[in-house]
PDB file of N, CA and C in Angstrom:
ATOM      1  N   MET A   1       9.821  11.495  -8.834  1.00  0.00           N
ATOM      2  CA  MET A   1      10.369  10.678  -7.769  1.00  0.00           C
ATOM      3  C   MET A   1       9.243  10.215  -6.864  1.00  0.00           C
ATOM      4  N   LEU A   2       9.324   9.000  -6.429  1.00  0.00           N
ATOM      5  CA  LEU A   2       8.329   8.424  -5.540  1.00  0.00           C
ATOM      6  C   LEU A   2       8.948   8.285  -4.157  1.00  0.00           C
ATOM      7  N   ASP A   3       8.382   8.963  -3.179  1.00  0.00           N
ATOM      8  CA  ASP A   3       8.872   8.927  -1.806  1.00  0.00           C
ATOM      9  C   ASP A   3       7.970   7.990  -1.002  1.00  0.00           C
ATOM     10  N   VAL A   4       8.462   6.800  -0.665  1.00  0.00           N
ATOM     11  CA  VAL A   4       7.672   5.806   0.047  1.00  0.00           C
ATOM     12  C   VAL A   4       8.021   5.872   1.524  1.00  0.00           C
ATOM     13  N   HIS A   5       7.030   6.174   2.365  1.00  0.00           N
ATOM     14  CA  HIS A   5       7.259   6.312   3.798  1.00  0.00           C
ATOM     15  C   HIS A   5       7.085   5.007   4.552  1.00  0.00           C
ATOM     16  N   ALA A   6       6.104   4.210   4.178  1.00  0.00           N
ATOM     17  CA  ALA A   6       5.827   2.963   4.892  1.00  0.00           C
ATOM     18  C   ALA A   6       5.028   2.038   3.995  1.00  0.00           C
ATOM     19  N   THR A   7       4.967   0.790   4.367  1.00  0.00           N
ATOM     20  CA  THR A   7       4.144  -0.180   3.668  1.00  0.00           C
ATOM     21  C   THR A   7       3.240  -0.864   4.688  1.00  0.00           C
ATOM     22  N   ALA A   8       2.051  -1.212   4.278  1.00  0.00           N
ATOM     23  CA  ALA A   8       1.104  -1.846   5.199  1.00  0.00           C
ATOM     24  C   ALA A   8       1.053  -3.342   4.944  1.00  0.00           C
ATOM     25  N   GLN A   9       0.991  -4.100   5.995  1.00  0.00           N
ATOM     26  CA  GLN A   9       0.827  -5.540   5.899  1.00  0.00           C
ATOM     27  C   GLN A   9      -0.648  -5.843   6.112  1.00  0.00           C
ATOM     28  N   ILE A  10      -1.328  -6.233   5.071  1.00  0.00           N
ATOM     29  CA  ILE A  10      -2.755  -6.497   5.127  1.00  0.00           C
ATOM     30  C   ILE A  10      -3.023  -7.939   5.553  1.00  0.00           C
ATOM     31  N   SER A  11      -2.273  -8.863   4.996  1.00  0.00           N
ATOM     32  CA  SER A  11      -2.481 -10.275   5.303  1.00  0.00           C
ATOM     33  C   SER A  11      -1.592 -10.731   6.454  1.00  0.00           C
ATOM     34  N   PRO A  12      -2.145 -11.435   7.440  1.00  0.00           N
ATOM     35  CA  PRO A  12      -1.309 -11.948   8.521  1.00  0.00           C
ATOM     36  C   PRO A  12      -0.365 -13.052   8.045  1.00  0.00           C
ATOM     37  N   TRP A  13      -0.597 -13.595   6.850  1.00  0.00           N
ATOM     38  CA  TRP A  13       0.247 -14.658   6.311  1.00  0.00           C
ATOM     39  C   TRP A  13       1.356 -14.116   5.418  1.00  0.00           C
ATOM     40  N   ALA A  14       1.427 -12.805   5.251  1.00  0.00           N
ATOM     41  CA  ALA A  14       2.463 -12.223   4.399  1.00  0.00           C
ATOM     42  C   ALA A  14       3.837 -12.532   4.982  1.00  0.00           C
ATOM     43  N   ASP A  15       4.780 -12.813   4.106  1.00  0.00           N
ATOM     44  CA  ASP A  15       6.130 -13.171   4.535  1.00  0.00           C
ATOM     45  C   ASP A  15       7.032 -11.940   4.528  1.00  0.00           C
ATOM     46  N   ILE A  16       6.714 -10.984   5.395  1.00  0.00           N
ATOM     47  CA  ILE A  16       7.558  -9.806   5.538  1.00  0.00           C
ATOM     48  C   ILE A  16       7.768  -9.543   7.014  1.00  0.00           C
ATOM     49  N   ALA A  17       8.882  -8.959   7.326  1.00  0.00           N
ATOM     50  CA  ALA A  17       9.205  -8.680   8.733  1.00  0.00           C
ATOM     51  C   ALA A  17       8.868  -7.234   9.043  1.00  0.00           C
ATOM     52  N   ASP A  18       9.802  -6.479   9.598  1.00  0.00           N
ATOM     53  CA  ASP A  18       9.527  -5.089   9.946  1.00  0.00           C
ATOM     54  C   ASP A  18       9.928  -4.114   8.848  1.00  0.00           C
ATOM     55  N   SER A  19      10.473  -4.624   7.747  1.00  0.00           N
ATOM     56  CA  SER A  19      10.760  -3.784   6.589  1.00  0.00           C
ATOM     57  C   SER A  19      10.754  -4.664   5.341  1.00  0.00           C
ATOM     58  N   VAL A  20      10.577  -4.029   4.194  1.00  0.00           N
ATOM     59  CA  VAL A  20      10.582  -4.749   2.932  1.00  0.00           C
ATOM     60  C   VAL A  20      12.031  -5.083   2.604  1.00  0.00           C
ATOM     61  N   ARG A  21      12.287  -6.352   2.352  1.00  0.00           N
ATOM     62  CA  ARG A  21      13.668  -6.793   2.096  1.00  0.00           C
ATOM     63  C   ARG A  21      14.320  -5.978   0.992  1.00  0.00           C
ATOM     64  N   GLY A  22      15.570  -5.585   1.236  1.00  0.00           N
ATOM     65  CA  GLY A  22      16.333  -4.859   0.234  1.00  0.00           C
ATOM     66  C   GLY A  22      15.980  -3.386   0.140  1.00  0.00           C
ATOM     67  N   SER A  23      15.155  -2.900   1.050  1.00  0.00           N
ATOM     68  CA  SER A  23      14.772  -1.486   1.031  1.00  0.00           C
ATOM     69  C   SER A  23      14.725  -0.956   2.456  1.00  0.00           C
ATOM     70  N   ARG A  24      14.438   0.287   2.572  1.00  0.00           N
ATOM     71  CA  ARG A  24      14.268   0.885   3.899  1.00  0.00           C
ATOM     72  C   ARG A  24      12.807   1.274   4.121  1.00  0.00           C
ATOM     73  N   ILE A  25      11.909   0.584   3.433  1.00  0.00           N
ATOM     74  CA  ILE A  25      10.485   0.853   3.569  1.00  0.00           C
ATOM     75  C   ILE A  25       9.979   0.119   4.806  1.00  0.00           C
ATOM     76  N   VAL A  26       9.467   0.857   5.762  1.00  0.00           N
ATOM     77  CA  VAL A  26       8.986   0.303   7.022  1.00  0.00           C
ATOM     78  C   VAL A  26       7.615  -0.342   6.828  1.00  0.00           C
ATOM     79  N   VAL A  27       7.383  -1.470   7.491  1.00  0.00           N
ATOM     80  CA  VAL A  27       6.102  -2.168   7.422  1.00  0.00           C
ATOM     81  C   VAL A  27       5.235  -1.720   8.591  1.00  0.00           C
ATOM     82  N   VAL A  28       4.010  -1.288   8.297  1.00  0.00           N
ATOM     83  CA  VAL A  28       3.048  -0.878   9.320  1.00  0.00           C
ATOM     84  C   VAL A  28       1.769  -1.692   9.130  1.00  0.00           C
ATOM     85  N   ASP A  29       0.860  -1.615  10.088  1.00  0.00           N
ATOM     86  CA  ASP A  29      -0.396  -2.343   9.920  1.00  0.00           C
ATOM     87  C   ASP A  29      -1.415  -1.477   9.171  1.00  0.00           C
ATOM     88  N   GLU A  30      -2.517  -2.094   8.824  1.00  0.00           N
ATOM     89  CA  GLU A  30      -3.561  -1.420   8.039  1.00  0.00           C
ATOM     90  C   GLU A  30      -4.108  -0.184   8.755  1.00  0.00           C
ATOM     91  N   GLU A  31      -4.135  -0.207  10.063  1.00  0.00           N
ATOM     92  CA  GLU A  31      -4.643   0.923  10.846  1.00  0.00           C
ATOM     93  C   GLU A  31      -3.844   2.204  10.578  1.00  0.00           C
ATOM     94  N   TYR A  32      -2.564   2.051  10.279  1.00  0.00           N
ATOM     95  CA  TYR A  32      -1.717   3.200   9.944  1.00  0.00           C
ATOM     96  C   TYR A  32      -2.302   3.975   8.767  1.00  0.00           C
ATOM     97  N   LEU A  33      -2.758   3.242   7.751  1.00  0.00           N
ATOM     98  CA  LEU A  33      -3.352   3.906   6.587  1.00  0.00           C
ATOM     99  C   LEU A  33      -4.595   4.695   6.981  1.00  0.00           C
ATOM    100  N   ARG A  34      -5.390   4.113   7.856  1.00  0.00           N
ATOM    101  CA  ARG A  34      -6.632   4.771   8.276  1.00  0.00           C
ATOM    102  C   ARG A  34      -6.375   6.018   9.110  1.00  0.00           C
ATOM    103  N   THR A  35      -5.329   6.001   9.930  1.00  0.00           N
ATOM    104  CA  THR A  35      -5.064   7.160  10.800  1.00  0.00           C
ATOM    105  C   THR A  35      -4.199   8.219  10.132  1.00  0.00           C
ATOM    106  N   GLN A  36      -3.257   7.809   9.295  1.00  0.00           N
ATOM    107  CA  GLN A  36      -2.349   8.766   8.657  1.00  0.00           C
ATOM    108  C   GLN A  36      -2.894   9.343   7.350  1.00  0.00           C
ATOM    109  N   ARG A  37      -3.824   8.626   6.739  1.00  0.00           N
ATOM    110  CA  ARG A  37      -4.491   9.070   5.510  1.00  0.00           C
ATOM    111  C   ARG A  37      -3.529   9.576   4.426  1.00  0.00           C
ATOM    112  N   PRO A  38      -2.703   8.684   3.897  1.00  0.00           N
ATOM    113  CA  PRO A  38      -1.756   9.110   2.858  1.00  0.00           C
ATOM    114  C   PRO A  38      -2.476   9.502   1.573  1.00  0.00           C
ATOM    115  N   GLN A  39      -1.843  10.349   0.781  1.00  0.00           N
ATOM    116  CA  GLN A  39      -2.423  10.779  -0.488  1.00  0.00           C
ATOM    117  C   GLN A  39      -2.371   9.673  -1.533  1.00  0.00           C
ATOM    118  N   ARG A  40      -1.327   8.852  -1.481  1.00  0.00           N
ATOM    119  CA  ARG A  40      -1.149   7.763  -2.439  1.00  0.00           C
ATOM    120  C   ARG A  40      -0.811   6.479  -1.692  1.00  0.00           C
ATOM    121  N   VAL A  41      -1.358   5.360  -2.166  1.00  0.00           N
ATOM    122  CA  VAL A  41      -1.056   4.048  -1.619  1.00  0.00           C
ATOM    123  C   VAL A  41      -0.478   3.203  -2.760  1.00  0.00           C
ATOM    124  N   LEU A  42       0.793   2.853  -2.640  1.00  0.00           N
ATOM    125  CA  LEU A  42       1.482   2.061  -3.654  1.00  0.00           C
ATOM    126  C   LEU A  42       1.125   0.589  -3.464  1.00  0.00           C
ATOM    127  N   ILE A  43       0.669  -0.054  -4.540  1.00  0.00           N
ATOM    128  CA  ILE A  43       0.324  -1.475  -4.504  1.00  0.00           C
ATOM    129  C   ILE A  43       1.407  -2.236  -5.255  1.00  0.00           C
ATOM    130  N   LEU A  44       2.180  -3.039  -4.514  1.00  0.00           N
ATOM    131  CA  LEU A  44       3.245  -3.819  -5.141  1.00  0.00           C
ATOM    132  C   LEU A  44       2.793  -5.206  -5.594  1.00  0.00           C
ATOM    133  N   PRO A  45       1.946  -5.934  -4.838  1.00  0.00           N
ATOM    134  CA  PRO A  45       1.533  -7.256  -5.311  1.00  0.00           C
ATOM    135  C   PRO A  45       0.460  -7.134  -6.400  1.00  0.00           C
ATOM    136  N   TRP A  46       0.885  -7.117  -7.656  1.00  0.00           N
ATOM    137  CA  TRP A  46      -0.008  -6.872  -8.786  1.00  0.00           C
ATOM    138  C   TRP A  46      -1.200  -7.819  -8.802  1.00  0.00           C
ATOM    139  N   ASN A  47      -1.008  -9.054  -8.328  1.00  0.00           N
ATOM    140  CA  ASN A  47      -2.090 -10.030  -8.390  1.00  0.00           C
ATOM    141  C   ASN A  47      -3.168  -9.781  -7.331  1.00  0.00           C
ATOM    142  N   LEU A  48      -2.919  -8.873  -6.401  1.00  0.00           N
ATOM    143  CA  LEU A  48      -3.906  -8.534  -5.370  1.00  0.00           C
ATOM    144  C   LEU A  48      -4.490  -7.129  -5.561  1.00  0.00           C
ATOM    145  N   ARG A  49      -4.237  -6.536  -6.689  1.00  0.00           N
ATOM    146  CA  ARG A  49      -4.672  -5.161  -6.956  1.00  0.00           C
ATOM    147  C   ARG A  49      -6.162  -4.950  -6.707  1.00  0.00           C
ATOM    148  N   GLU A  50      -7.002  -5.781  -7.308  1.00  0.00           N
ATOM    149  CA  GLU A  50      -8.449  -5.622  -7.165  1.00  0.00           C
ATOM    150  C   GLU A  50      -8.889  -5.829  -5.722  1.00  0.00           C
ATOM    151  N   GLU A  51      -8.363  -6.864  -5.089  1.00  0.00           N
ATOM    152  CA  GLU A  51      -8.727  -7.166  -3.704  1.00  0.00           C
ATOM    153  C   GLU A  51      -8.313  -6.041  -2.751  1.00  0.00           C
ATOM    154  N   LEU A  52      -7.109  -5.513  -2.930  1.00  0.00           N
ATOM    155  CA  LEU A  52      -6.629  -4.456  -2.037  1.00  0.00           C
ATOM    156  C   LEU A  52      -7.386  -3.143  -2.232  1.00  0.00           C
ATOM    157  N   THR A  53      -7.692  -2.788  -3.464  1.00  0.00           N
ATOM    158  CA  THR A  53      -8.442  -1.551  -3.686  1.00  0.00           C
ATOM    159  C   THR A  53      -9.845  -1.653  -3.114  1.00  0.00           C
ATOM    160  N   ARG A  54     -10.428  -2.853  -3.142  1.00  0.00           N
ATOM    161  CA  ARG A  54     -11.734  -3.071  -2.525  1.00  0.00           C
ATOM    162  C   ARG A  54     -11.627  -3.018  -0.999  1.00  0.00           C
ATOM    163  N   GLN A  55     -10.669  -3.746  -0.456  1.00  0.00           N
ATOM    164  CA  GLN A  55     -10.487  -3.837   0.987  1.00  0.00           C
ATOM    165  C   GLN A  55     -10.125  -2.488   1.610  1.00  0.00           C
ATOM    166  N   LEU A  56      -9.394  -1.676   0.868  1.00  0.00           N
ATOM    167  CA  LEU A  56      -8.968  -0.372   1.378  1.00  0.00           C
ATOM    168  C   LEU A  56      -9.752   0.764   0.731  1.00  0.00           C
ATOM    169  N   GLY A  57     -11.030   0.544   0.514  1.00  0.00           N
ATOM    170  CA  GLY A  57     -11.887   1.552  -0.097  1.00  0.00           C
ATOM    171  C   GLY A  57     -11.909   2.859   0.671  1.00  0.00           C
ATOM    172  N   CYS A  58     -11.596   2.814   1.954  1.00  0.00           N
ATOM    173  CA  CYS A  58     -11.576   4.030   2.777  1.00  0.00           C
ATOM    174  C   CYS A  58     -10.554   5.040   2.271  1.00  0.00           C
ATOM    175  N   VAL A  59      -9.543   4.583   1.549  1.00  0.00           N
ATOM    176  CA  VAL A  59      -8.522   5.492   1.012  1.00  0.00           C
ATOM    177  C   VAL A  59      -9.171   6.507   0.079  1.00  0.00           C
ATOM    178  N   ARG A  60     -10.085   6.045  -0.748  1.00  0.00           N
ATOM    179  CA  ARG A  60     -10.767   6.956  -1.680  1.00  0.00           C
ATOM    180  C   ARG A  60     -11.680   7.933  -0.940  1.00  0.00           C
ATOM    181  N   ALA A  61     -12.190   7.525   0.221  1.00  0.00           N
ATOM    182  CA  ALA A  61     -13.097   8.377   0.996  1.00  0.00           C
ATOM    183  C   ALA A  61     -12.435   9.685   1.413  1.00  0.00           C
ATOM    184  N   TRP A  62     -11.134   9.668   1.686  1.00  0.00           N
ATOM    185  CA  TRP A  62     -10.441  10.906   2.069  1.00  0.00           C
ATOM    186  C   TRP A  62      -9.675  11.530   0.901  1.00  0.00           C
ATOM    187  N   GLY A  63      -9.912  11.010  -0.304  1.00  0.00           N
ATOM    188  CA  GLY A  63      -9.289  11.595  -1.494  1.00  0.00           C
ATOM    189  C   GLY A  63      -7.969  10.953  -1.874  1.00  0.00           C
ATOM    190  N   GLY A  64      -7.596   9.849  -1.201  1.00  0.00           N
ATOM    191  CA  GLY A  64      -6.370   9.143  -1.537  1.00  0.00           C
ATOM    192  C   GLY A  64      -6.530   8.368  -2.831  1.00  0.00           C
ATOM    193  N   ARG A  65      -5.408   8.015  -3.430  1.00  0.00           N
ATOM    194  CA  ARG A  65      -5.437   7.262  -4.688  1.00  0.00           C
ATOM    195  C   ARG A  65      -4.498   6.075  -4.601  1.00  0.00           C
ATOM    196  N   PHE A  66      -4.791   5.051  -5.374  1.00  0.00           N
ATOM    197  CA  PHE A  66      -3.975   3.849  -5.425  1.00  0.00           C
ATOM    198  C   PHE A  66      -3.000   3.938  -6.594  1.00  0.00           C
ATOM    199  N   VAL A  67      -1.790   3.443  -6.372  1.00  0.00           N
ATOM    200  CA  VAL A  67      -0.754   3.455  -7.401  1.00  0.00           C
ATOM    201  C   VAL A  67      -0.189   2.048  -7.560  1.00  0.00           C
ATOM    202  N   PRO A  68      -0.780   1.236  -8.460  1.00  0.00           N
ATOM    203  CA  PRO A  68      -0.191  -0.077  -8.722  1.00  0.00           C
ATOM    204  C   PRO A  68       1.092   0.088  -9.527  1.00  0.00           C
ATOM    205  N   ALA A  69       2.092  -0.740  -9.233  1.00  0.00           N
ATOM    206  CA  ALA A  69       3.403  -0.600  -9.880  1.00  0.00           C
ATOM    207  C   ALA A  69       3.629  -1.589 -11.027  1.00  0.00           C
ATOM    208  N   VAL A  70       2.860  -2.673 -11.052  1.00  0.00           N
ATOM    209  CA  VAL A  70       3.083  -3.717 -12.044  1.00  0.00           C
ATOM    210  C   VAL A  70       1.754  -4.028 -12.725  1.00  0.00           C
ATOM    211  N   PRO A  71       1.633  -4.245 -13.992  1.00  0.00           N
ATOM    212  CA  PRO A  71       2.699  -4.352 -14.956  1.00  0.00           C
ATOM    213  C   PRO A  71       3.257  -3.002 -15.404  1.00  0.00           C
ATOM    214  N   ARG A  72       2.531  -1.918 -15.120  1.00  0.00           N
ATOM    215  CA  ARG A  72       3.082  -0.576 -15.387  1.00  0.00           C
ATOM    216  C   ARG A  72       2.589   0.348 -14.278  1.00  0.00           C
ATOM    217  N   LEU A  73       3.372   1.351 -13.981  1.00  0.00           N
ATOM    218  CA  LEU A  73       3.022   2.301 -12.925  1.00  0.00           C
ATOM    219  C   LEU A  73       1.871   3.195 -13.395  1.00  0.00           C
ATOM    220  N   GLU A  74       0.803   3.247 -12.604  1.00  0.00           N
ATOM    221  CA  GLU A  74      -0.346   4.105 -12.919  1.00  0.00           C
ATOM    222  C   GLU A  74      -1.001   4.585 -11.641  1.00  0.00           C
ATOM    223  N   VAL A  75      -1.739   5.670 -11.728  1.00  0.00           N
ATOM    224  CA  VAL A  75      -2.465   6.209 -10.586  1.00  0.00           C
ATOM    225  C   VAL A  75      -3.945   5.987 -10.830  1.00  0.00           C
ATOM    226  N   LEU A  76      -4.612   5.296  -9.898  1.00  0.00           N
ATOM    227  CA  LEU A  76      -6.043   4.997 -10.057  1.00  0.00           C
ATOM    228  C   LEU A  76      -6.883   6.000  -9.297  1.00  0.00           C
TER     229      LEU A  76
END
């Protein structure tokens, strides 16, 4: 089971409000990731996988891992 606590909005042009439509996943800013230091970061926009893992390289610094969901779920 995957327990998703929040989602981060990296791009100011992203078309999301305070939660991901159709879910109860709360949207937070990138600073949340830096202060809360989650163990796993789920990447939903498959086409931004490389860019997001580069931009959020600090996640690996504290031992966090990236989990892209598309085209298949994997832990990086």
